[in-house]
């Protein structure tokens, strides 16, 4: 995720879109660059993100992360605390806490079946 932005606790600050594979990710990245002028930082052949899209956004071709809908990502100051509150409020953990370049995150499903992620730099 971005390293030059100020993140607000409990706010959606990232949107992740998916691609079928690294080749489709490259074509999609080129599409957004051409259509909107967004500049991407490539983290791996299957992941890139941009700070040029309003809220930051990423493109993922990771095999286990291919959703049919965009993935809203909420920033929090305390990741474990957010996980505890989500479970206590009726959310179900879809993918438990894991590290990535820039921080850690987990995925959950809300009572309506929407999948979201929560991340923190810590």
PDB file of N, CA and C in Angstrom:
ATOM      1  N   UNK A   1       0.845  -1.153   0.000  1.00  0.00           N
ATOM      2  CA  UNK A   1       0.000   0.000   0.000  1.00  0.00           C
ATOM      3  C   UNK A   1       0.907   1.237   0.000  1.00  0.00           C
ATOM      4  N   UNK A   2       0.343   2.381  -0.017  1.00  0.00           N
ATOM      5  CA  UNK A   2       1.156   3.574  -0.198  1.00  0.00           C
ATOM      6  C   UNK A   2       1.984   3.909   1.030  1.00  0.00           C
ATOM      7  N   UNK A   3       3.124   4.570   0.804  1.00  0.00           N
ATOM      8  CA  UNK A   3       3.944   4.977   1.931  1.00  0.00           C
ATOM      9  C   UNK A   3       4.016   6.488   2.073  1.00  0.00           C
ATOM     10  N   UNK A   4       3.363   7.252   1.220  1.00  0.00           N
ATOM     11  CA  UNK A   4       3.428   8.705   1.281  1.00  0.00           C
ATOM     12  C   UNK A   4       2.120   9.347   1.732  1.00  0.00           C
ATOM     13  N   UNK A   5       1.123   8.570   2.065  1.00  0.00           N
ATOM     14  CA  UNK A   5      -0.176   9.106   2.428  1.00  0.00           C
ATOM     15  C   UNK A   5      -0.385   9.067   3.927  1.00  0.00           C
ATOM     16  N   UNK A   6      -1.253   9.939   4.401  1.00  0.00           N
ATOM     17  CA  UNK A   6      -1.683   9.905   5.789  1.00  0.00           C
ATOM     18  C   UNK A   6      -2.942   9.051   5.830  1.00  0.00           C
ATOM     19  N   UNK A   7      -2.929   8.015   6.635  1.00  0.00           N
ATOM     20  CA  UNK A   7      -4.062   7.105   6.729  1.00  0.00           C
ATOM     21  C   UNK A   7      -4.910   7.475   7.936  1.00  0.00           C
ATOM     22  N   UNK A   8      -6.228   7.434   7.765  1.00  0.00           N
ATOM     23  CA  UNK A   8      -7.150   7.738   8.855  1.00  0.00           C
ATOM     24  C   UNK A   8      -7.721   6.447   9.406  1.00  0.00           C
ATOM     25  N   UNK A   9      -7.704   6.315  10.721  1.00  0.00           N
ATOM     26  CA  UNK A   9      -8.225   5.139  11.392  1.00  0.00           C
ATOM     27  C   UNK A   9      -9.685   4.898  11.003  1.00  0.00           C
ATOM     28  N   UNK A  10     -10.029   3.639  10.769  1.00  0.00           N
ATOM     29  CA  UNK A  10     -11.390   3.196  10.458  1.00  0.00           C
ATOM     30  C   UNK A  10     -11.953   3.792   9.173  1.00  0.00           C
ATOM     31  N   UNK A  11     -11.089   4.064   8.192  1.00  0.00           N
ATOM     32  CA  UNK A  11     -11.524   4.649   6.924  1.00  0.00           C
ATOM     33  C   UNK A  11     -11.129   3.765   5.745  1.00  0.00           C
ATOM     34  N   UNK A  12     -12.037   3.644   4.770  1.00  0.00           N
ATOM     35  CA  UNK A  12     -11.678   2.963   3.525  1.00  0.00           C
ATOM     36  C   UNK A  12     -10.672   3.855   2.817  1.00  0.00           C
ATOM     37  N   UNK A  13      -9.482   3.337   2.583  1.00  0.00           N
ATOM     38  CA  UNK A  13      -8.474   4.144   1.900  1.00  0.00           C
ATOM     39  C   UNK A  13      -7.788   3.393   0.767  1.00  0.00           C
ATOM     40  N   UNK A  14      -8.355   2.237   0.386  1.00  0.00           N
ATOM     41  CA  UNK A  14      -7.722   1.436  -0.647  1.00  0.00           C
ATOM     42  C   UNK A  14      -8.792   0.589  -1.320  1.00  0.00           C
ATOM     43  N   UNK A  15      -8.687   0.413  -2.611  1.00  0.00           N
ATOM     44  CA  UNK A  15      -9.603  -0.433  -3.358  1.00  0.00           C
ATOM     45  C   UNK A  15      -8.767  -1.354  -4.232  1.00  0.00           C
ATOM     46  N   UNK A  16      -8.998  -2.644  -4.099  1.00  0.00           N
ATOM     47  CA  UNK A  16      -8.208  -3.612  -4.856  1.00  0.00           C
ATOM     48  C   UNK A  16      -9.071  -4.257  -5.936  1.00  0.00           C
ATOM     49  N   UNK A  17      -8.586  -4.213  -7.169  1.00  0.00           N
ATOM     50  CA  UNK A  17      -9.227  -4.853  -8.305  1.00  0.00           C
ATOM     51  C   UNK A  17      -8.425  -6.084  -8.671  1.00  0.00           C
ATOM     52  N   UNK A  18      -9.069  -7.072  -9.265  1.00  0.00           N
ATOM     53  CA  UNK A  18      -8.351  -8.301  -9.583  1.00  0.00           C
ATOM     54  C   UNK A  18      -8.205  -8.508 -11.084  1.00  0.00           C
ATOM     55  N   UNK A  19      -7.236  -9.336 -11.423  1.00  0.00           N
ATOM     56  CA  UNK A  19      -6.971  -9.738 -12.804  1.00  0.00           C
ATOM     57  C   UNK A  19      -6.755 -11.248 -12.804  1.00  0.00           C
ATOM     58  N   UNK A  20      -7.034 -11.889 -13.920  1.00  0.00           N
ATOM     59  CA  UNK A  20      -6.935 -13.347 -14.000  1.00  0.00           C
ATOM     60  C   UNK A  20      -5.503 -13.861 -13.873  1.00  0.00           C
ATOM     61  N   UNK A  21      -4.540 -13.069 -14.352  1.00  0.00           N
ATOM     62  CA  UNK A  21      -3.146 -13.488 -14.316  1.00  0.00           C
ATOM     63  C   UNK A  21      -2.256 -12.267 -14.530  1.00  0.00           C
ATOM     64  N   UNK A  22      -0.952 -12.478 -14.514  1.00  0.00           N
ATOM     65  CA  UNK A  22      -0.010 -11.365 -14.648  1.00  0.00           C
ATOM     66  C   UNK A  22      -0.150 -10.659 -16.001  1.00  0.00           C
ATOM     67  N   UNK A  23      -0.449 -11.391 -17.050  1.00  0.00           N
ATOM     68  CA  UNK A  23      -0.613 -10.780 -18.375  1.00  0.00           C
ATOM     69  C   UNK A  23      -1.835  -9.859 -18.393  1.00  0.00           C
ATOM     70  N   UNK A  24      -2.949 -10.326 -17.819  1.00  0.00           N
ATOM     71  CA  UNK A  24      -4.141  -9.490 -17.765  1.00  0.00           C
ATOM     72  C   UNK A  24      -3.919  -8.288 -16.844  1.00  0.00           C
ATOM     73  N   UNK A  25      -3.162  -8.476 -15.777  1.00  0.00           N
ATOM     74  CA  UNK A  25      -2.835  -7.358 -14.898  1.00  0.00           C
ATOM     75  C   UNK A  25      -2.076  -6.285 -15.683  1.00  0.00           C
ATOM     76  N   UNK A  26      -1.113  -6.693 -16.487  1.00  0.00           N
ATOM     77  CA  UNK A  26      -0.327  -5.733 -17.271  1.00  0.00           C
ATOM     78  C   UNK A  26      -1.210  -4.960 -18.248  1.00  0.00           C
ATOM     79  N   UNK A  27      -2.148  -5.646 -18.900  1.00  0.00           N
ATOM     80  CA  UNK A  27      -3.053  -4.989 -19.834  1.00  0.00           C
ATOM     81  C   UNK A  27      -3.973  -4.023 -19.085  1.00  0.00           C
ATOM     82  N   UNK A  28      -4.465  -4.449 -17.924  1.00  0.00           N
ATOM     83  CA  UNK A  28      -5.361  -3.609 -17.126  1.00  0.00           C
ATOM     84  C   UNK A  28      -4.616  -2.397 -16.582  1.00  0.00           C
ATOM     85  N   UNK A  29      -3.399  -2.604 -16.141  1.00  0.00           N
ATOM     86  CA  UNK A  29      -2.559  -1.497 -15.665  1.00  0.00           C
ATOM     87  C   UNK A  29      -2.356  -0.493 -16.797  1.00  0.00           C
ATOM     88  N   UNK A  30      -2.063  -0.966 -17.985  1.00  0.00           N
ATOM     89  CA  UNK A  30      -1.883  -0.085 -19.141  1.00  0.00           C
ATOM     90  C   UNK A  30      -3.178   0.658 -19.462  1.00  0.00           C
ATOM     91  N   UNK A  31      -4.319  -0.028 -19.344  1.00  0.00           N
ATOM     92  CA  UNK A  31      -5.614   0.610 -19.574  1.00  0.00           C
ATOM     93  C   UNK A  31      -5.800   1.815 -18.653  1.00  0.00           C
ATOM     94  N   UNK A  32      -5.632   1.627 -17.338  1.00  0.00           N
ATOM     95  CA  UNK A  32      -5.841   2.733 -16.392  1.00  0.00           C
ATOM     96  C   UNK A  32      -4.786   3.835 -16.565  1.00  0.00           C
ATOM     97  N   UNK A  33      -3.579   3.438 -16.916  1.00  0.00           N
ATOM     98  CA  UNK A  33      -2.539   4.441 -17.181  1.00  0.00           C
ATOM     99  C   UNK A  33      -2.904   5.285 -18.387  1.00  0.00           C
ATOM    100  N   UNK A  34      -3.369   4.644 -19.437  1.00  0.00           N
ATOM    101  CA  UNK A  34      -3.729   5.341 -20.665  1.00  0.00           C
ATOM    102  C   UNK A  34      -5.010   6.163 -20.496  1.00  0.00           C
ATOM    103  N   UNK A  35      -6.023   5.569 -19.890  1.00  0.00           N
ATOM    104  CA  UNK A  35      -7.327   6.234 -19.777  1.00  0.00           C
ATOM    105  C   UNK A  35      -7.324   7.375 -18.769  1.00  0.00           C
ATOM    106  N   UNK A  36      -6.593   7.207 -17.645  1.00  0.00           N
ATOM    107  CA  UNK A  36      -6.671   8.186 -16.559  1.00  0.00           C
ATOM    108  C   UNK A  36      -5.331   8.779 -16.139  1.00  0.00           C
ATOM    109  N   UNK A  37      -4.237   8.295 -16.721  1.00  0.00           N
ATOM    110  CA  UNK A  37      -2.921   8.830 -16.384  1.00  0.00           C
ATOM    111  C   UNK A  37      -2.357   8.311 -15.076  1.00  0.00           C
ATOM    112  N   UNK A  38      -2.910   7.238 -14.549  1.00  0.00           N
ATOM    113  CA  UNK A  38      -2.432   6.695 -13.269  1.00  0.00           C
ATOM    114  C   UNK A  38      -1.063   6.055 -13.454  1.00  0.00           C
ATOM    115  N   UNK A  39      -0.166   6.315 -12.527  1.00  0.00           N
ATOM    116  CA  UNK A  39       1.167   5.716 -12.522  1.00  0.00           C
ATOM    117  C   UNK A  39       1.203   4.640 -11.447  1.00  0.00           C
ATOM    118  N   UNK A  40       1.690   3.476 -11.796  1.00  0.00           N
ATOM    119  CA  UNK A  40       1.698   2.329 -10.886  1.00  0.00           C
ATOM    120  C   UNK A  40       3.086   2.015 -10.364  1.00  0.00           C
ATOM    121  N   UNK A  41       3.134   1.508  -9.147  1.00  0.00           N
ATOM    122  CA  UNK A  41       4.347   0.926  -8.582  1.00  0.00           C
ATOM    123  C   UNK A  41       4.143  -0.579  -8.615  1.00  0.00           C
ATOM    124  N   UNK A  42       5.076  -1.285  -9.238  1.00  0.00           N
ATOM    125  CA  UNK A  42       4.973  -2.739  -9.330  1.00  0.00           C
ATOM    126  C   UNK A  42       5.706  -3.373  -8.155  1.00  0.00           C
ATOM    127  N   UNK A  43       4.981  -4.178  -7.402  1.00  0.00           N
ATOM    128  CA  UNK A  43       5.550  -4.869  -6.240  1.00  0.00           C
ATOM    129  C   UNK A  43       5.983  -6.282  -6.597  1.00  0.00           C
ATOM    130  N   UNK A  44       5.351  -6.859  -7.586  1.00  0.00           N
ATOM    131  CA  UNK A  44       5.630  -8.217  -8.064  1.00  0.00           C
ATOM    132  C   UNK A  44       4.938  -8.339  -9.421  1.00  0.00           C
ATOM    133  N   UNK A  45       5.224  -9.385 -10.195  1.00  0.00           N
ATOM    134  CA  UNK A  45       4.537  -9.520 -11.483  1.00  0.00           C
ATOM    135  C   UNK A  45       3.012  -9.587 -11.333  1.00  0.00           C
ATOM    136  N   UNK A  46       2.546 -10.009 -10.146  1.00  0.00           N
ATOM    137  CA  UNK A  46       1.112 -10.143  -9.950  1.00  0.00           C
ATOM    138  C   UNK A  46       0.512  -9.074  -9.030  1.00  0.00           C
ATOM    139  N   UNK A  47       1.238  -7.969  -8.788  1.00  0.00           N
ATOM    140  CA  UNK A  47       0.667  -6.914  -7.953  1.00  0.00           C
ATOM    141  C   UNK A  47       1.282  -5.549  -8.272  1.00  0.00           C
ATOM    142  N   UNK A  48       0.414  -4.550  -8.402  1.00  0.00           N
ATOM    143  CA  UNK A  48       0.842  -3.163  -8.598  1.00  0.00           C
ATOM    144  C   UNK A  48      -0.180  -2.260  -7.931  1.00  0.00           C
ATOM    145  N   UNK A  49       0.265  -1.089  -7.476  1.00  0.00           N
ATOM    146  CA  UNK A  49      -0.690  -0.131  -6.919  1.00  0.00           C
ATOM    147  C   UNK A  49      -0.377   1.279  -7.368  1.00  0.00           C
ATOM    148  N   UNK A  50      -1.351   2.168  -7.143  1.00  0.00           N
ATOM    149  CA  UNK A  50      -1.220   3.563  -7.557  1.00  0.00           C
ATOM    150  C   UNK A  50      -1.784   4.482  -6.488  1.00  0.00           C
ATOM    151  N   UNK A  51      -1.200   5.664  -6.380  1.00  0.00           N
ATOM    152  CA  UNK A  51      -1.726   6.697  -5.496  1.00  0.00           C
ATOM    153  C   UNK A  51      -2.492   7.742  -6.304  1.00  0.00           C
ATOM    154  N   UNK A  52      -2.619   7.550  -7.606  1.00  0.00           N
ATOM    155  CA  UNK A  52      -3.212   8.534  -8.497  1.00  0.00           C
ATOM    156  C   UNK A  52      -4.718   8.368  -8.698  1.00  0.00           C
ATOM    157  N   UNK A  53      -5.360   7.410  -8.022  1.00  0.00           N
ATOM    158  CA  UNK A  53      -6.753   7.078  -8.324  1.00  0.00           C
ATOM    159  C   UNK A  53      -7.763   7.637  -7.328  1.00  0.00           C
ATOM    160  N   UNK A  54      -7.439   8.708  -6.653  1.00  0.00           N
ATOM    161  CA  UNK A  54      -8.327   9.248  -5.617  1.00  0.00           C
ATOM    162  C   UNK A  54      -7.942   8.626  -4.298  1.00  0.00           C
ATOM    163  N   UNK A  55      -8.662   7.579  -3.866  1.00  0.00           N
ATOM    164  CA  UNK A  55      -8.117   6.738  -2.812  1.00  0.00           C
ATOM    165  C   UNK A  55      -7.116   5.834  -3.514  1.00  0.00           C
ATOM    166  N   UNK A  56      -6.126   5.341  -2.813  1.00  0.00           N
ATOM    167  CA  UNK A  56      -5.154   4.476  -3.489  1.00  0.00           C
ATOM    168  C   UNK A  56      -5.846   3.194  -3.928  1.00  0.00           C
ATOM    169  N   UNK A  57      -5.311   2.578  -4.964  1.00  0.00           N
ATOM    170  CA  UNK A  57      -5.899   1.338  -5.466  1.00  0.00           C
ATOM    171  C   UNK A  57      -4.804   0.420  -5.967  1.00  0.00           C
ATOM    172  N   UNK A  58      -5.143  -0.853  -6.048  1.00  0.00           N
ATOM    173  CA  UNK A  58      -4.188  -1.845  -6.502  1.00  0.00           C
ATOM    174  C   UNK A  58      -4.816  -2.801  -7.493  1.00  0.00           C
ATOM    175  N   UNK A  59      -3.961  -3.485  -8.231  1.00  0.00           N
ATOM    176  CA  UNK A  59      -4.360  -4.541  -9.151  1.00  0.00           C
ATOM    177  C   UNK A  59      -3.675  -5.819  -8.697  1.00  0.00           C
ATOM    178  N   UNK A  60      -4.462  -6.874  -8.484  1.00  0.00           N
ATOM    179  CA  UNK A  60      -3.905  -8.128  -7.992  1.00  0.00           C
ATOM    180  C   UNK A  60      -4.230  -9.277  -8.924  1.00  0.00           C
ATOM    181  N   UNK A  61      -3.202 -10.060  -9.245  1.00  0.00           N
ATOM    182  CA  UNK A  61      -3.391 -11.289 -10.015  1.00  0.00           C
ATOM    183  C   UNK A  61      -2.983 -12.496  -9.169  1.00  0.00           C
ATOM    184  N   UNK A  62      -2.900 -12.312  -7.843  1.00  0.00           N
ATOM    185  CA  UNK A  62      -2.599 -13.434  -6.962  1.00  0.00           C
ATOM    186  C   UNK A  62      -3.721 -14.461  -7.078  1.00  0.00           C
ATOM    187  N   UNK A  63      -3.372 -15.698  -7.313  1.00  0.00           N
ATOM    188  CA  UNK A  63      -4.354 -16.746  -7.562  1.00  0.00           C
ATOM    189  C   UNK A  63      -5.411 -16.849  -6.464  1.00  0.00           C
ATOM    190  N   UNK A  64      -5.021 -16.753  -5.207  1.00  0.00           N
ATOM    191  CA  UNK A  64      -5.972 -16.898  -4.114  1.00  0.00           C
ATOM    192  C   UNK A  64      -6.806 -15.668  -3.833  1.00  0.00           C
ATOM    193  N   UNK A  65      -6.569 -14.564  -4.531  1.00  0.00           N
ATOM    194  CA  UNK A  65      -7.256 -13.300  -4.241  1.00  0.00           C
ATOM    195  C   UNK A  65      -8.243 -12.871  -5.320  1.00  0.00           C
ATOM    196  N   UNK A  66      -8.575 -13.730  -6.251  1.00  0.00           N
ATOM    197  CA  UNK A  66      -9.430 -13.325  -7.363  1.00  0.00           C
ATOM    198  C   UNK A  66     -10.904 -13.325  -6.958  1.00  0.00           C
ATOM    199  N   UNK A  67     -11.417 -12.143  -6.706  1.00  0.00           N
ATOM    200  CA  UNK A  67     -12.821 -11.970  -6.367  1.00  0.00           C
ATOM    201  C   UNK A  67     -13.576 -11.504  -7.605  1.00  0.00           C
ATOM    202  N   UNK A  68     -14.881 -11.621  -7.574  1.00  0.00           N
ATOM    203  CA  UNK A  68     -15.696 -11.143  -8.685  1.00  0.00           C
ATOM    204  C   UNK A  68     -16.046  -9.668  -8.525  1.00  0.00           C
ATOM    205  N   UNK A  69     -15.783  -9.102  -7.351  1.00  0.00           N
ATOM    206  CA  UNK A  69     -16.069  -7.700  -7.087  1.00  0.00           C
ATOM    207  C   UNK A  69     -14.817  -7.033  -6.539  1.00  0.00           C
ATOM    208  N   UNK A  70     -14.738  -5.701  -6.626  1.00  0.00           N
ATOM    209  CA  UNK A  70     -13.604  -5.002  -6.013  1.00  0.00           C
ATOM    210  C   UNK A  70     -13.557  -5.253  -4.505  1.00  0.00           C
ATOM    211  N   UNK A  71     -12.380  -5.158  -3.934  1.00  0.00           N
ATOM    212  CA  UNK A  71     -12.181  -5.393  -2.502  1.00  0.00           C
ATOM    213  C   UNK A  71     -11.904  -4.063  -1.808  1.00  0.00           C
ATOM    214  N   UNK A  72     -12.888  -3.513  -1.071  1.00  0.00           N
ATOM    215  CA  UNK A  72     -12.608  -2.321  -0.270  1.00  0.00           C
ATOM    216  C   UNK A  72     -11.674  -2.694   0.878  1.00  0.00           C
ATOM    217  N   UNK A  73     -10.711  -1.833   1.159  1.00  0.00           N
ATOM    218  CA  UNK A  73      -9.739  -2.098   2.216  1.00  0.00           C
ATOM    219  C   UNK A  73      -9.788  -0.941   3.216  1.00  0.00           C
ATOM    220  N   UNK A  74     -10.010  -1.276   4.475  1.00  0.00           N
ATOM    221  CA  UNK A  74     -10.154  -0.295   5.545  1.00  0.00           C
ATOM    222  C   UNK A  74      -8.841  -0.207   6.314  1.00  0.00           C
ATOM    223  N   UNK A  75      -8.361   1.004   6.547  1.00  0.00           N
ATOM    224  CA  UNK A  75      -7.161   1.204   7.355  1.00  0.00           C
ATOM    225  C   UNK A  75      -7.558   1.326   8.822  1.00  0.00           C
ATOM    226  N   UNK A  76      -6.776   0.683   9.698  1.00  0.00           N
ATOM    227  CA  UNK A  76      -6.962   0.824  11.148  1.00  0.00           C
ATOM    228  C   UNK A  76      -5.604   1.003  11.808  1.00  0.00           C
ATOM    229  N   UNK A  77      -5.623   1.636  12.972  1.00  0.00           N
ATOM    230  CA  UNK A  77      -4.377   1.795  13.732  1.00  0.00           C
ATOM    231  C   UNK A  77      -3.960   0.490  14.399  1.00  0.00           C
ATOM    232  N   UNK A  78      -4.935  -0.281  14.884  1.00  0.00           N
ATOM    233  CA  UNK A  78      -4.656  -1.514  15.642  1.00  0.00           C
ATOM    234  C   UNK A  78      -5.346  -2.699  14.977  1.00  0.00           C
ATOM    235  N   UNK A  79      -4.602  -3.497  14.244  1.00  0.00           N
ATOM    236  CA  UNK A  79      -5.151  -4.587  13.447  1.00  0.00           C
ATOM    237  C   UNK A  79      -5.840  -5.655  14.294  1.00  0.00           C
ATOM    238  N   UNK A  80      -5.186  -6.110  15.343  1.00  0.00           N
ATOM    239  CA  UNK A  80      -5.761  -7.169  16.167  1.00  0.00           C
ATOM    240  C   UNK A  80      -7.049  -6.703  16.847  1.00  0.00           C
ATOM    241  N   UNK A  81      -7.081  -5.448  17.281  1.00  0.00           N
ATOM    242  CA  UNK A  81      -8.276  -4.894  17.911  1.00  0.00           C
ATOM    243  C   UNK A  81      -9.432  -4.868  16.913  1.00  0.00           C
ATOM    244  N   UNK A  82      -9.153  -4.466  15.685  1.00  0.00           N
ATOM    245  CA  UNK A  82     -10.192  -4.436  14.651  1.00  0.00           C
ATOM    246  C   UNK A  82     -10.711  -5.847  14.372  1.00  0.00           C
ATOM    247  N   UNK A  83      -9.815  -6.825  14.316  1.00  0.00           N
ATOM    248  CA  UNK A  83     -10.226  -8.208  14.075  1.00  0.00           C
ATOM    249  C   UNK A  83     -11.163  -8.676  15.174  1.00  0.00           C
ATOM    250  N   UNK A  84     -10.807  -8.406  16.432  1.00  0.00           N
ATOM    251  CA  UNK A  84     -11.636  -8.800  17.578  1.00  0.00           C
ATOM    252  C   UNK A  84     -13.018  -8.161  17.481  1.00  0.00           C
ATOM    253  N   UNK A  85     -13.082  -6.878  17.170  1.00  0.00           N
ATOM    254  CA  UNK A  85     -14.361  -6.168  17.078  1.00  0.00           C
ATOM    255  C   UNK A  85     -15.219  -6.698  15.927  1.00  0.00           C
ATOM    256  N   UNK A  86     -14.601  -7.019  14.804  1.00  0.00           N
ATOM    257  CA  UNK A  86     -15.339  -7.543  13.652  1.00  0.00           C
ATOM    258  C   UNK A  86     -15.977  -8.874  13.992  1.00  0.00           C
ATOM    259  N   UNK A  87     -15.215  -9.766  14.604  1.00  0.00           N
ATOM    260  CA  UNK A  87     -15.751 -11.075  14.983  1.00  0.00           C
ATOM    261  C   UNK A  87     -16.868 -10.909  16.015  1.00  0.00           C
ATOM    262  N   UNK A  88     -16.652 -10.059  17.025  1.00  0.00           N
ATOM    263  CA  UNK A  88     -17.661  -9.827  18.064  1.00  0.00           C
ATOM    264  C   UNK A  88     -18.933  -9.204  17.494  1.00  0.00           C
ATOM    265  N   UNK A  89     -18.818  -8.491  16.376  1.00  0.00           N
ATOM    266  CA  UNK A  89     -19.970  -7.828  15.764  1.00  0.00           C
ATOM    267  C   UNK A  89     -20.691  -8.710  14.748  1.00  0.00           C
ATOM    268  N   UNK A  90     -20.210  -9.931  14.535  1.00  0.00           N
ATOM    269  CA  UNK A  90     -20.875 -10.857  13.620  1.00  0.00           C
ATOM    270  C   UNK A  90     -20.181 -11.070  12.294  1.00  0.00           C
ATOM    271  N   UNK A  91     -19.009 -10.467  12.098  1.00  0.00           N
ATOM    272  CA  UNK A  91     -18.252 -10.700  10.875  1.00  0.00           C
ATOM    273  C   UNK A  91     -17.527 -12.041  10.932  1.00  0.00           C
ATOM    274  N   UNK A  92     -17.237 -12.601   9.778  1.00  0.00           N
ATOM    275  CA  UNK A  92     -16.524 -13.880   9.706  1.00  0.00           C
ATOM    276  C   UNK A  92     -15.184 -13.656   9.009  1.00  0.00           C
ATOM    277  N   UNK A  93     -14.123 -14.147   9.622  1.00  0.00           N
ATOM    278  CA  UNK A  93     -12.783 -14.002   9.039  1.00  0.00           C
ATOM    279  C   UNK A  93     -12.674 -14.913   7.824  1.00  0.00           C
ATOM    280  N   UNK A  94     -12.351 -14.329   6.699  1.00  0.00           N
ATOM    281  CA  UNK A  94     -12.197 -15.066   5.444  1.00  0.00           C
ATOM    282  C   UNK A  94     -10.738 -15.477   5.232  1.00  0.00           C
ATOM    283  N   UNK A  95      -9.805 -14.575   5.572  1.00  0.00           N
ATOM    284  CA  UNK A  95      -8.376 -14.827   5.420  1.00  0.00           C
ATOM    285  C   UNK A  95      -7.708 -14.132   6.604  1.00  0.00           C
ATOM    286  N   UNK A  96      -7.063 -14.904   7.462  1.00  0.00           N
ATOM    287  CA  UNK A  96      -6.531 -14.347   8.704  1.00  0.00           C
ATOM    288  C   UNK A  96      -5.335 -13.428   8.446  1.00  0.00           C
ATOM    289  N   UNK A  97      -4.883 -12.782   9.479  1.00  0.00           N
ATOM    290  CA  UNK A  97      -3.822 -11.773   9.395  1.00  0.00           C
ATOM    291  C   UNK A  97      -2.571 -12.336   8.706  1.00  0.00           C
ATOM    292  N   UNK A  98      -2.067 -11.575   7.746  1.00  0.00           N
ATOM    293  CA  UNK A  98      -0.831 -11.934   7.049  1.00  0.00           C
ATOM    294  C   UNK A  98      -0.061 -10.668   6.703  1.00  0.00           C
ATOM    295  N   UNK A  99       1.224 -10.813   6.504  1.00  0.00           N
ATOM    296  CA  UNK A  99       2.094  -9.679   6.179  1.00  0.00           C
ATOM    297  C   UNK A  99       2.204  -9.517   4.667  1.00  0.00           C
ATOM    298  N   UNK A 100       2.428  -8.284   4.245  1.00  0.00           N
ATOM    299  CA  UNK A 100       2.712  -7.954   2.855  1.00  0.00           C
ATOM    300  C   UNK A 100       3.663  -6.762   2.879  1.00  0.00           C
ATOM    301  N   UNK A 101       4.311  -6.422   1.761  1.00  0.00           N
ATOM    302  CA  UNK A 101       5.196  -5.250   1.779  1.00  0.00           C
ATOM    303  C   UNK A 101       4.411  -3.996   2.160  1.00  0.00           C
ATOM    304  N   UNK A 102       4.754  -3.394   3.278  1.00  0.00           N
ATOM    305  CA  UNK A 102       4.060  -2.185   3.724  1.00  0.00           C
ATOM    306  C   UNK A 102       3.186  -2.366   4.936  1.00  0.00           C
ATOM    307  N   UNK A 103       2.917  -3.607   5.342  1.00  0.00           N
ATOM    308  CA  UNK A 103       2.072  -3.792   6.517  1.00  0.00           C
ATOM    309  C   UNK A 103       1.535  -5.195   6.666  1.00  0.00           C
ATOM    310  N   UNK A 104       0.356  -5.270   7.308  1.00  0.00           N
ATOM    311  CA  UNK A 104      -0.335  -6.547   7.517  1.00  0.00           C
ATOM    312  C   UNK A 104      -1.819  -6.319   7.268  1.00  0.00           C
ATOM    313  N   UNK A 105      -2.538  -7.400   6.925  1.00  0.00           N
ATOM    314  CA  UNK A 105      -3.977  -7.282   6.723  1.00  0.00           C
ATOM    315  C   UNK A 105      -4.674  -8.612   6.909  1.00  0.00           C
ATOM    316  N   UNK A 106      -6.013  -8.539   6.958  1.00  0.00           N
ATOM    317  CA  UNK A 106      -6.851  -9.727   6.955  1.00  0.00           C
ATOM    318  C   UNK A 106      -8.121  -9.404   6.172  1.00  0.00           C
ATOM    319  N   UNK A 107      -8.844 -10.455   5.752  1.00  0.00           N
ATOM    320  CA  UNK A 107     -10.092 -10.293   5.022  1.00  0.00           C
ATOM    321  C   UNK A 107     -11.233 -10.807   5.887  1.00  0.00           C
ATOM    322  N   UNK A 108     -12.399 -10.183   5.755  1.00  0.00           N
ATOM    323  CA  UNK A 108     -13.577 -10.646   6.475  1.00  0.00           C
ATOM    324  C   UNK A 108     -14.803 -10.518   5.585  1.00  0.00           C
ATOM    325  N   UNK A 109     -15.877 -11.208   5.992  1.00  0.00           N
ATOM    326  CA  UNK A 109     -17.157 -11.133   5.307  1.00  0.00           C
ATOM    327  C   UNK A 109     -18.157 -10.550   6.288  1.00  0.00           C
ATOM    328  N   UNK A 110     -18.900  -9.525   5.834  1.00  0.00           N
ATOM    329  CA  UNK A 110     -19.907  -8.912   6.700  1.00  0.00           C
ATOM    330  C   UNK A 110     -21.187  -9.749   6.693  1.00  0.00           C
ATOM    331  N   UNK A 111     -22.185  -9.422   7.521  1.00  0.00           N
ATOM    332  CA  UNK A 111     -23.411 -10.229   7.572  1.00  0.00           C
ATOM    333  C   UNK A 111     -24.172 -10.316   6.247  1.00  0.00           C
ATOM    334  N   UNK A 112     -23.970  -9.368   5.335  1.00  0.00           N
ATOM    335  CA  UNK A 112     -24.635  -9.410   4.034  1.00  0.00           C
ATOM    336  C   UNK A 112     -23.849 -10.197   2.988  1.00  0.00           C
ATOM    337  N   UNK A 113     -22.666 -10.696   3.362  1.00  0.00           N
ATOM    338  CA  UNK A 113     -21.860 -11.484   2.438  1.00  0.00           C
ATOM    339  C   UNK A 113     -20.817 -10.698   1.662  1.00  0.00           C
ATOM    340  N   UNK A 114     -20.637  -9.409   1.967  1.00  0.00           N
ATOM    341  CA  UNK A 114     -19.615  -8.603   1.297  1.00  0.00           C
ATOM    342  C   UNK A 114     -18.243  -8.893   1.893  1.00  0.00           C
ATOM    343  N   UNK A 115     -17.244  -9.074   1.031  1.00  0.00           N
ATOM    344  CA  UNK A 115     -15.889  -9.275   1.519  1.00  0.00           C
ATOM    345  C   UNK A 115     -15.135  -7.947   1.505  1.00  0.00           C
ATOM    346  N   UNK A 116     -14.480  -7.666   2.612  1.00  0.00           N
ATOM    347  CA  UNK A 116     -13.641  -6.487   2.759  1.00  0.00           C
ATOM    348  C   UNK A 116     -12.335  -6.926   3.377  1.00  0.00           C
ATOM    349  N   UNK A 117     -11.367  -6.025   3.397  1.00  0.00           N
ATOM    350  CA  UNK A 117     -10.088  -6.294   4.070  1.00  0.00           C
ATOM    351  C   UNK A 117      -9.808  -5.146   5.028  1.00  0.00           C
ATOM    352  N   UNK A 118      -8.972  -5.424   6.013  1.00  0.00           N
ATOM    353  CA  UNK A 118      -8.539  -4.420   6.977  1.00  0.00           C
ATOM    354  C   UNK A 118      -7.025  -4.488   6.998  1.00  0.00           C
ATOM    355  N   UNK A 119      -6.380  -3.308   6.994  1.00  0.00           N
ATOM    356  CA  UNK A 119      -4.916  -3.301   7.004  1.00  0.00           C
ATOM    357  C   UNK A 119      -4.385  -2.283   7.970  1.00  0.00           C
ATOM    358  N   UNK A 120      -3.115  -2.481   8.354  1.00  0.00           N
ATOM    359  CA  UNK A 120      -2.387  -1.555   9.203  1.00  0.00           C
ATOM    360  C   UNK A 120      -0.919  -1.622   8.816  1.00  0.00           C
ATOM    361  N   UNK A 121      -0.243  -0.533   9.042  1.00  0.00           N
ATOM    362  CA  UNK A 121       1.205  -0.509   8.782  1.00  0.00           C
ATOM    363  C   UNK A 121       1.963  -1.290   9.841  1.00  0.00           C
ATOM    364  N   UNK A 122       1.340  -1.550  10.996  1.00  0.00           N
ATOM    365  CA  UNK A 122       1.989  -2.253  12.121  1.00  0.00           C
ATOM    366  C   UNK A 122       1.710  -3.741  12.066  1.00  0.00           C
TER     367      UNK A 122
END
